Protein backbone atom coordinates (compact mmCIF):
# COMPACT_ATOMS: atom_id res chain seq x y z
CA MET A 1 125.26 96.13 107.25
CA SER A 2 121.91 94.47 106.47
CA ASN A 3 118.65 96.38 106.31
CA LEU A 4 117.42 94.72 109.48
CA ASN A 5 120.56 95.52 111.45
CA ARG A 6 121.12 99.12 110.41
CA VAL A 7 120.20 101.82 112.91
CA ILE A 8 116.92 103.58 112.15
CA HIS A 9 116.58 107.07 113.61
CA GLY A 10 113.17 108.51 114.35
CA THR A 11 112.07 111.92 115.59
CA THR A 12 109.32 112.22 118.19
CA LEU A 13 107.05 115.11 117.21
CA VAL A 14 106.27 117.17 120.30
CA LEU A 15 102.57 117.94 119.90
CA PRO A 16 99.91 118.10 122.64
CA ASP A 17 97.40 115.24 122.76
CA ALA A 18 99.39 113.24 120.21
CA GLU A 19 102.01 110.52 119.91
CA LEU A 20 103.84 110.66 116.60
CA ILE A 21 107.26 109.40 115.57
CA PHE A 22 108.67 110.23 112.12
CA TYR A 23 111.37 108.22 110.36
CA PRO A 24 112.32 110.23 107.22
CA ALA A 25 114.56 107.47 105.80
CA PHE A 26 113.19 104.25 107.25
CA PHE A 27 113.74 102.38 103.98
CA LYS A 28 116.90 102.86 101.92
CA LYS A 29 116.49 104.48 98.51
CA THR A 30 117.29 101.33 96.52
CA GLU A 31 114.65 99.23 98.26
CA SER A 32 112.18 102.15 98.26
CA ASP A 33 112.58 102.32 94.46
CA GLU A 34 111.93 98.59 94.20
CA PHE A 35 108.87 98.70 96.46
CA TYR A 36 107.47 101.69 94.54
CA GLU A 37 107.79 99.96 91.15
CA GLU A 38 106.28 96.74 92.45
CA LEU A 39 103.30 98.55 94.01
CA ILE A 40 102.66 100.75 90.96
CA ARG A 41 102.59 97.80 88.58
CA HIS A 42 100.85 95.11 90.60
CA THR A 43 98.26 96.89 92.75
CA HIS A 44 94.63 96.74 91.59
CA TRP A 45 94.12 100.51 91.78
CA LYS A 46 90.48 101.59 91.92
CA GLN A 47 88.65 104.86 91.38
CA GLU A 48 86.15 104.87 94.24
CA LYS A 49 83.27 107.35 94.46
CA ILE A 50 82.04 109.27 97.49
CA LYS A 51 78.75 111.04 98.12
CA LEU A 52 79.10 114.80 98.59
CA TYR A 53 76.16 117.22 98.79
CA GLY A 54 73.90 114.57 97.29
CA LYS A 55 76.18 113.86 94.33
CA ARG A 56 78.57 110.97 93.72
CA ILE A 57 82.03 112.19 92.80
CA ASN A 58 85.38 110.51 92.23
CA LEU A 59 87.65 110.17 95.25
CA PRO A 60 90.63 112.46 94.47
CA CYS A 61 93.16 109.60 94.41
CA LEU A 62 93.23 105.90 93.51
CA THR A 63 92.96 103.28 96.27
CA ASP A 64 93.10 99.61 97.18
CA TRP A 65 92.39 97.75 100.44
CA ILE A 66 94.50 94.74 101.44
CA GLY A 67 94.29 92.65 104.59
CA ASP A 68 93.26 89.56 106.46
CA LYS A 69 90.11 87.83 105.26
CA ASP A 70 87.69 89.39 107.78
CA ALA A 71 89.11 92.93 107.72
CA SER A 72 86.27 94.67 105.85
CA TYR A 73 86.31 98.44 106.23
CA THR A 74 84.02 101.42 105.66
CA TYR A 75 85.32 104.96 105.10
CA SER A 76 83.64 108.02 103.56
CA GLY A 77 80.58 105.85 102.92
CA ILE A 78 82.66 103.33 100.93
CA LYS A 79 82.63 99.72 102.11
CA VAL A 80 85.61 97.72 100.94
CA THR A 81 86.43 94.01 101.20
CA PRO A 82 90.14 93.21 101.53
CA GLU A 83 92.16 91.66 98.76
CA PRO A 84 94.78 89.08 99.80
CA TRP A 85 98.20 90.17 101.03
CA THR A 86 100.97 90.40 98.45
CA LEU A 87 104.58 89.45 99.16
CA VAL A 88 105.81 93.02 98.89
CA LEU A 89 103.21 94.34 101.36
CA LEU A 90 103.98 91.54 103.82
CA LYS A 91 107.67 92.42 103.57
CA ILE A 92 107.00 96.11 104.28
CA LYS A 93 104.61 95.20 107.11
CA LYS A 94 107.17 92.95 108.77
CA ARG A 95 109.77 95.70 108.67
CA ILE A 96 107.65 98.43 110.26
CA GLU A 97 106.32 96.04 112.90
CA THR A 98 109.86 95.79 114.32
CA ILE A 99 109.39 99.31 115.79
CA SER A 100 105.59 99.52 116.02
CA PRO A 101 103.40 98.68 119.05
CA ALA A 102 100.97 96.67 116.92
CA ALA A 103 100.78 93.70 114.59
CA PHE A 104 98.98 95.18 111.59
CA ASN A 105 96.40 93.11 109.74
CA SER A 106 95.24 95.51 107.02
CA VAL A 107 96.45 98.38 104.87
CA LEU A 108 94.86 101.12 102.77
CA LEU A 109 96.85 102.00 99.65
CA ASN A 110 96.52 105.46 98.10
CA LEU A 111 98.01 106.56 94.79
CA TYR A 112 98.39 110.32 94.32
CA ARG A 113 98.89 110.67 90.57
CA ASN A 114 99.87 114.33 90.50
CA GLU A 115 99.68 117.60 92.43
CA ARG A 116 95.87 117.77 92.11
CA ASP A 117 95.28 114.46 93.88
CA SER A 118 94.68 114.94 97.58
CA VAL A 119 92.81 113.82 100.68
CA SER A 120 90.82 116.29 102.80
CA TRP A 121 90.81 116.79 106.57
CA HIS A 122 89.93 113.61 108.48
CA SER A 123 90.93 111.32 111.36
CA ASP A 124 91.54 107.58 111.12
CA ASP A 125 89.11 106.95 113.96
CA GLU A 126 86.68 104.43 112.50
CA LYS A 127 85.29 102.02 115.11
CA GLU A 128 86.90 99.04 113.38
CA PHE A 129 90.31 100.21 114.65
CA GLY A 130 89.52 100.44 118.36
CA GLN A 131 89.79 103.12 121.03
CA ASN A 132 93.36 104.31 120.37
CA PRO A 133 94.26 103.14 116.86
CA VAL A 134 97.86 102.62 115.84
CA ILE A 135 98.42 103.85 112.28
CA GLY A 136 101.64 103.11 110.38
CA SER A 137 102.02 105.39 107.34
CA VAL A 138 104.65 104.50 104.71
CA SER A 139 105.39 106.72 101.69
CA PHE A 140 107.08 105.96 98.36
CA GLY A 141 107.49 108.31 95.41
CA ASP A 142 107.38 112.09 95.28
CA THR A 143 107.43 114.10 98.52
CA ARG A 144 104.07 115.46 99.68
CA ARG A 145 103.05 117.75 102.53
CA PHE A 146 101.21 116.11 105.45
CA GLN A 147 99.31 118.67 107.49
CA LEU A 148 97.83 118.28 110.98
CA LYS A 149 95.44 120.52 112.92
CA HIS A 150 94.03 120.16 116.42
CA LYS A 151 90.28 119.56 116.60
CA GLN A 152 89.74 121.85 119.60
CA LYS A 153 92.71 124.23 119.62
CA LYS A 154 92.15 125.57 116.15
CA LYS A 155 95.40 127.54 115.94
CA LEU A 156 97.51 124.43 116.59
CA ARG A 157 98.86 123.22 113.25
CA TYR A 158 101.87 121.23 112.09
CA GLU A 159 103.31 120.11 108.77
CA ILE A 160 105.61 117.23 107.80
CA HIS A 161 107.16 116.50 104.40
CA LEU A 162 106.61 112.79 103.74
CA THR A 163 109.62 111.65 101.75
CA HIS A 164 110.43 108.59 99.62
CA GLY A 165 110.90 105.66 102.02
CA SER A 166 109.62 107.49 105.11
CA TYR A 167 107.56 106.03 107.94
CA LEU A 168 105.19 108.00 110.20
CA LEU A 169 103.89 106.19 113.27
CA MET A 170 100.71 107.62 114.85
CA LYS A 171 99.41 106.18 118.11
CA GLY A 172 97.81 106.99 121.48
CA GLN A 173 95.08 109.64 121.37
CA THR A 174 96.30 111.25 118.15
CA GLN A 175 93.18 110.36 116.15
CA HIS A 176 90.90 111.69 118.91
CA PHE A 177 92.43 115.17 118.95
CA TRP A 178 93.96 115.75 115.51
CA LEU A 179 92.85 115.90 111.89
CA HIS A 180 95.24 115.41 108.98
CA GLN A 181 95.26 115.91 105.23
CA ILE A 182 97.35 115.76 102.06
CA PRO A 183 96.57 119.08 100.33
CA LYS A 184 96.64 119.87 96.64
CA GLU A 185 99.89 121.44 95.48
CA ASN A 186 100.55 124.41 93.21
CA LYS A 187 103.81 123.03 91.84
CA PRO A 188 103.89 119.90 89.64
CA LYS A 189 104.21 116.61 91.51
CA GLN A 190 104.99 113.09 90.34
CA GLU A 191 103.19 109.98 91.57
CA ARG A 192 103.27 109.08 95.26
CA ILE A 193 102.09 105.92 97.00
CA ASN A 194 100.98 105.94 100.63
CA LEU A 195 100.35 102.83 102.70
CA THR A 196 98.45 103.25 105.97
CA PHE A 197 98.74 100.04 107.95
CA ARG A 198 96.09 99.42 110.63
CA LYS A 199 95.07 96.92 113.29
CA HIS A 200 91.52 95.97 112.36
CA ASN A 201 89.40 94.52 115.19
CA GLN A 202 87.99 91.58 113.33
CA ARG A 203 84.64 90.09 114.30
C-alpha cells in the first residue's frame, strides 16, 4: 500500500473552545527518518534573539522561516523574511494538506537540540494568519511534551506527547482560547524538529 493510499487515523481531542485533531503516526517511520535527516542537514538554522526585561537573549531553540515570497512574519519582536521552499518541505506540505482545511504557504521550523531547549506559553494568533488560523504541526525526532492551558479557565490543562512522524492539526478558535508550550525536560532528550505550517494572509 502506498503512503498516499494508506489509512491515516486521527484522534479528535475533546477540549472546550478548541478544534484539535492528533495523528500520532501520520508519517511512517522510514520516511520520518528520511525527512528528519534531510531537515537537520539542509536547513539554515538560526539563533534568533528576543528582548526580555530590556535585555536581548537567545531564543531557546534554533529556527528558520520558509514560505512564499511575500510571507514575511513577526513573532516575539523578531521579523523574518521567508527563504524559498525546499523539495522536502513541499513534499511534507502536500501530504498534510490532504487532510487539512487550508493550503499552507509558510512554515516555521524549530530545532530543539536537547531537553533544555523549549518554547514558553504562547498562541499562534498573529494578525498575519487571520481570524481563525489553521496551524499544522509536524514533529520529527525525539518525543516532546506539548502542553495546553485555557486562557480564561485556568484549571483547564491538557498534554500531548508529540512523537516522531506525528501531525497535530489546530483550527477554529483554538488560538483565541488556548495557550501552548514545549517545556524543558528533566530527563535527557535528543534533537527534535517541529514544523508549524501556516496560511499567511499575504499583502
